[in-house]
Amino acid sequence: MPALSIQMPMLSEQMQQVLQVYNEGLALYKKRDFKTAAEKFKKALSIKKDDGPSQVYLERCEHYSAEPPPPDWDGVYVMKTK
C-alpha cells in the first residue's frame, strides 16, 4: 500500500507527481529491486531537483546495487559513516 494514496488538494501538482513516483520507488526498494527503484527516484528528481527523500533513496539504491544487503534484510539502512 502506498505511503500516501489520496489526492491532497493542498499539495501542488508538482508535489503530487513527485509523491506518486516516490511511492512507486519506495515500494520497489522494499522489494529489493534497487535498479528499478533508482529509476523512479531519478524521475522524481527530474520533477523536483531538490527532493531530499528521493535523493536519499537514490543513494541507498546505488549503494545496495553495488553491495546487496543480506538475505534477511528488513529494509533498514545502517549508516556506515556520519
N, C-alpha and C. Protein backbone atom coordinates (compact mmCIF):
# COMPACT_ATOMS: atom_id res chain seq x y z
N MET A 1 0.85 -1.18 0.00
CA MET A 1 0.00 0.00 0.00
C MET A 1 0.89 1.24 0.00
N PRO A 2 0.66 2.17 -0.87
CA PRO A 2 1.48 3.38 -0.92
C PRO A 2 1.41 4.15 0.38
N ALA A 3 2.50 4.83 0.69
CA ALA A 3 2.55 5.61 1.92
C ALA A 3 1.51 6.74 1.89
N LEU A 4 1.25 7.28 0.71
CA LEU A 4 0.27 8.34 0.57
C LEU A 4 -0.56 8.04 -0.67
N SER A 5 -1.79 7.62 -0.47
CA SER A 5 -2.58 7.16 -1.61
C SER A 5 -3.77 8.04 -1.94
N ILE A 6 -3.95 9.14 -1.22
CA ILE A 6 -5.07 10.02 -1.51
C ILE A 6 -4.58 11.31 -2.14
N GLN A 7 -5.42 11.92 -2.93
CA GLN A 7 -5.09 13.22 -3.50
C GLN A 7 -5.22 14.27 -2.41
N MET A 8 -4.22 15.10 -2.29
CA MET A 8 -4.25 16.14 -1.27
C MET A 8 -4.25 17.49 -1.97
N PRO A 9 -5.40 18.17 -2.00
CA PRO A 9 -5.52 19.42 -2.74
C PRO A 9 -4.56 20.50 -2.25
N MET A 10 -4.05 20.38 -1.02
CA MET A 10 -3.14 21.40 -0.52
C MET A 10 -1.74 21.26 -1.12
N LEU A 11 -1.46 20.15 -1.78
CA LEU A 11 -0.16 19.95 -2.43
C LEU A 11 -0.22 20.45 -3.87
N SER A 12 0.88 21.01 -4.31
CA SER A 12 0.94 21.45 -5.70
C SER A 12 0.91 20.24 -6.63
N GLU A 13 0.58 20.48 -7.87
CA GLU A 13 0.58 19.41 -8.88
C GLU A 13 1.96 18.76 -8.95
N GLN A 14 2.99 19.58 -8.88
CA GLN A 14 4.36 19.07 -8.93
C GLN A 14 4.62 18.10 -7.77
N MET A 15 4.24 18.48 -6.56
CA MET A 15 4.47 17.62 -5.41
C MET A 15 3.63 16.35 -5.46
N GLN A 16 2.42 16.44 -6.01
CA GLN A 16 1.61 15.24 -6.17
C GLN A 16 2.29 14.26 -7.11
N GLN A 17 2.89 14.78 -8.19
CA GLN A 17 3.62 13.93 -9.13
C GLN A 17 4.84 13.30 -8.46
N VAL A 18 5.58 14.12 -7.72
CA VAL A 18 6.77 13.61 -7.02
C VAL A 18 6.37 12.51 -6.04
N LEU A 19 5.33 12.73 -5.26
CA LEU A 19 4.89 11.73 -4.29
C LEU A 19 4.48 10.42 -4.95
N GLN A 20 3.79 10.52 -6.07
CA GLN A 20 3.37 9.30 -6.76
C GLN A 20 4.59 8.49 -7.20
N VAL A 21 5.54 9.15 -7.85
CA VAL A 21 6.72 8.46 -8.35
C VAL A 21 7.59 7.97 -7.19
N TYR A 22 7.72 8.79 -6.15
CA TYR A 22 8.50 8.41 -4.96
C TYR A 22 7.91 7.15 -4.33
N ASN A 23 6.58 7.11 -4.16
CA ASN A 23 5.94 5.94 -3.56
C ASN A 23 6.16 4.68 -4.40
N GLU A 24 6.16 4.83 -5.72
CA GLU A 24 6.45 3.69 -6.60
C GLU A 24 7.88 3.21 -6.35
N GLY A 25 8.81 4.16 -6.25
CA GLY A 25 10.20 3.81 -5.99
C GLY A 25 10.38 3.14 -4.64
N LEU A 26 9.69 3.66 -3.64
CA LEU A 26 9.81 3.09 -2.30
C LEU A 26 9.31 1.65 -2.26
N ALA A 27 8.22 1.38 -2.94
CA ALA A 27 7.69 0.01 -3.00
C ALA A 27 8.70 -0.93 -3.66
N LEU A 28 9.33 -0.47 -4.73
CA LEU A 28 10.35 -1.29 -5.40
C LEU A 28 11.57 -1.49 -4.52
N TYR A 29 11.96 -0.45 -3.80
CA TYR A 29 13.10 -0.52 -2.88
C TYR A 29 12.84 -1.60 -1.83
N LYS A 30 11.65 -1.60 -1.27
CA LYS A 30 11.31 -2.58 -0.24
C LYS A 30 11.29 -4.01 -0.79
N LYS A 31 11.09 -4.14 -2.10
CA LYS A 31 11.11 -5.45 -2.76
C LYS A 31 12.52 -5.82 -3.22
N ARG A 32 13.49 -4.96 -2.89
CA ARG A 32 14.90 -5.17 -3.24
C ARG A 32 15.17 -5.01 -4.74
N ASP A 33 14.30 -4.35 -5.45
CA ASP A 33 14.51 -4.07 -6.88
C ASP A 33 15.16 -2.69 -6.97
N PHE A 34 16.43 -2.64 -6.58
CA PHE A 34 17.12 -1.36 -6.42
C PHE A 34 17.35 -0.63 -7.74
N LYS A 35 17.59 -1.37 -8.81
CA LYS A 35 17.82 -0.72 -10.11
C LYS A 35 16.57 0.01 -10.58
N THR A 36 15.42 -0.65 -10.54
CA THR A 36 14.18 -0.03 -10.99
C THR A 36 13.75 1.07 -10.03
N ALA A 37 13.97 0.85 -8.73
CA ALA A 37 13.64 1.88 -7.74
C ALA A 37 14.47 3.13 -8.00
N ALA A 38 15.75 2.95 -8.31
CA ALA A 38 16.62 4.10 -8.59
C ALA A 38 16.08 4.92 -9.75
N GLU A 39 15.56 4.25 -10.76
CA GLU A 39 14.99 4.97 -11.91
C GLU A 39 13.79 5.82 -11.47
N LYS A 40 12.98 5.29 -10.58
CA LYS A 40 11.83 6.06 -10.07
C LYS A 40 12.30 7.28 -9.28
N PHE A 41 13.32 7.09 -8.44
CA PHE A 41 13.81 8.23 -7.66
C PHE A 41 14.46 9.27 -8.57
N LYS A 42 15.13 8.82 -9.64
CA LYS A 42 15.68 9.77 -10.62
C LYS A 42 14.55 10.54 -11.31
N LYS A 43 13.47 9.84 -11.60
CA LYS A 43 12.33 10.51 -12.24
C LYS A 43 11.74 11.55 -11.30
N ALA A 44 11.60 11.21 -10.01
CA ALA A 44 11.09 12.17 -9.03
C ALA A 44 12.01 13.40 -8.98
N LEU A 45 13.32 13.17 -9.03
CA LEU A 45 14.27 14.28 -9.00
C LEU A 45 14.23 15.10 -10.29
N SER A 46 13.81 14.50 -11.38
CA SER A 46 13.69 15.27 -12.62
C SER A 46 12.48 16.21 -12.54
N ILE A 47 11.52 15.85 -11.71
CA ILE A 47 10.35 16.70 -11.50
C ILE A 47 10.67 17.80 -10.49
N LYS A 48 11.39 17.43 -9.44
CA LYS A 48 11.75 18.38 -8.38
C LYS A 48 13.18 18.09 -7.95
N LYS A 49 14.10 18.89 -8.47
CA LYS A 49 15.54 18.63 -8.29
C LYS A 49 15.98 18.52 -6.83
N ASP A 50 15.32 19.24 -5.95
CA ASP A 50 15.77 19.28 -4.56
C ASP A 50 14.93 18.40 -3.63
N ASP A 51 14.32 17.35 -4.16
CA ASP A 51 13.54 16.46 -3.32
C ASP A 51 14.48 15.58 -2.48
N GLY A 52 14.60 15.93 -1.22
CA GLY A 52 15.53 15.25 -0.32
C GLY A 52 15.29 13.76 -0.17
N PRO A 53 14.06 13.32 0.11
CA PRO A 53 13.83 11.88 0.27
C PRO A 53 14.20 11.07 -0.98
N SER A 54 13.88 11.59 -2.15
CA SER A 54 14.24 10.87 -3.38
C SER A 54 15.75 10.78 -3.53
N GLN A 55 16.46 11.84 -3.17
CA GLN A 55 17.92 11.83 -3.26
C GLN A 55 18.51 10.80 -2.30
N VAL A 56 17.99 10.76 -1.08
CA VAL A 56 18.49 9.79 -0.09
C VAL A 56 18.28 8.36 -0.58
N TYR A 57 17.08 8.06 -1.06
CA TYR A 57 16.81 6.70 -1.51
C TYR A 57 17.54 6.35 -2.80
N LEU A 58 17.79 7.33 -3.65
CA LEU A 58 18.59 7.07 -4.83
C LEU A 58 20.00 6.64 -4.42
N GLU A 59 20.58 7.34 -3.46
CA GLU A 59 21.92 6.99 -2.98
C GLU A 59 21.92 5.59 -2.35
N ARG A 60 20.88 5.27 -1.60
CA ARG A 60 20.79 3.95 -0.99
C ARG A 60 20.65 2.86 -2.05
N CYS A 61 19.87 3.13 -3.09
CA CYS A 61 19.73 2.17 -4.19
C CYS A 61 21.06 1.93 -4.87
N GLU A 62 21.80 3.00 -5.11
CA GLU A 62 23.12 2.86 -5.74
C GLU A 62 24.05 2.04 -4.86
N HIS A 63 23.99 2.28 -3.55
CA HIS A 63 24.83 1.52 -2.61
C HIS A 63 24.44 0.04 -2.64
N TYR A 64 23.15 -0.25 -2.53
CA TYR A 64 22.70 -1.63 -2.49
C TYR A 64 22.83 -2.34 -3.83
N SER A 65 22.85 -1.60 -4.93
CA SER A 65 23.09 -2.23 -6.23
C SER A 65 24.53 -2.73 -6.29
N ALA A 66 25.45 -1.96 -5.69
CA ALA A 66 26.86 -2.34 -5.68
C ALA A 66 27.16 -3.38 -4.59
N GLU A 67 26.51 -3.23 -3.44
CA GLU A 67 26.71 -4.13 -2.31
C GLU A 67 25.35 -4.54 -1.76
N PRO A 68 24.75 -5.60 -2.32
CA PRO A 68 23.41 -6.00 -1.89
C PRO A 68 23.34 -6.30 -0.39
N PRO A 69 22.20 -6.01 0.21
CA PRO A 69 22.02 -6.33 1.63
C PRO A 69 21.92 -7.84 1.83
N PRO A 70 22.08 -8.29 3.07
CA PRO A 70 22.00 -9.73 3.33
C PRO A 70 20.58 -10.26 3.05
N PRO A 71 20.47 -11.56 2.87
CA PRO A 71 19.15 -12.16 2.57
C PRO A 71 18.07 -11.86 3.62
N ASP A 72 18.48 -11.68 4.87
CA ASP A 72 17.49 -11.42 5.93
C ASP A 72 17.25 -9.93 6.16
N TRP A 73 17.62 -9.10 5.19
CA TRP A 73 17.46 -7.65 5.27
C TRP A 73 16.02 -7.28 5.56
N ASP A 74 15.82 -6.39 6.51
CA ASP A 74 14.47 -5.99 6.90
C ASP A 74 14.07 -4.61 6.39
N GLY A 75 14.87 -4.06 5.49
CA GLY A 75 14.56 -2.76 4.90
C GLY A 75 15.22 -1.59 5.60
N VAL A 76 15.88 -1.86 6.71
CA VAL A 76 16.54 -0.80 7.47
C VAL A 76 17.91 -0.53 6.87
N TYR A 77 18.21 0.74 6.70
CA TYR A 77 19.52 1.15 6.17
C TYR A 77 20.40 1.52 7.36
N VAL A 78 21.57 0.91 7.43
CA VAL A 78 22.50 1.20 8.52
C VAL A 78 23.60 2.09 7.96
N MET A 79 23.70 3.30 8.52
CA MET A 79 24.73 4.24 8.07
C MET A 79 26.10 3.75 8.52
N LYS A 80 27.08 3.81 7.62
CA LYS A 80 28.43 3.40 7.93
C LYS A 80 29.27 4.55 8.46
N THR A 81 28.95 5.78 8.01
CA THR A 81 29.67 6.97 8.46
C THR A 81 28.68 8.05 8.80
N LYS A 82 29.15 9.03 9.53
CA LYS A 82 28.27 10.14 9.94
C LYS A 82 28.46 11.33 9.05
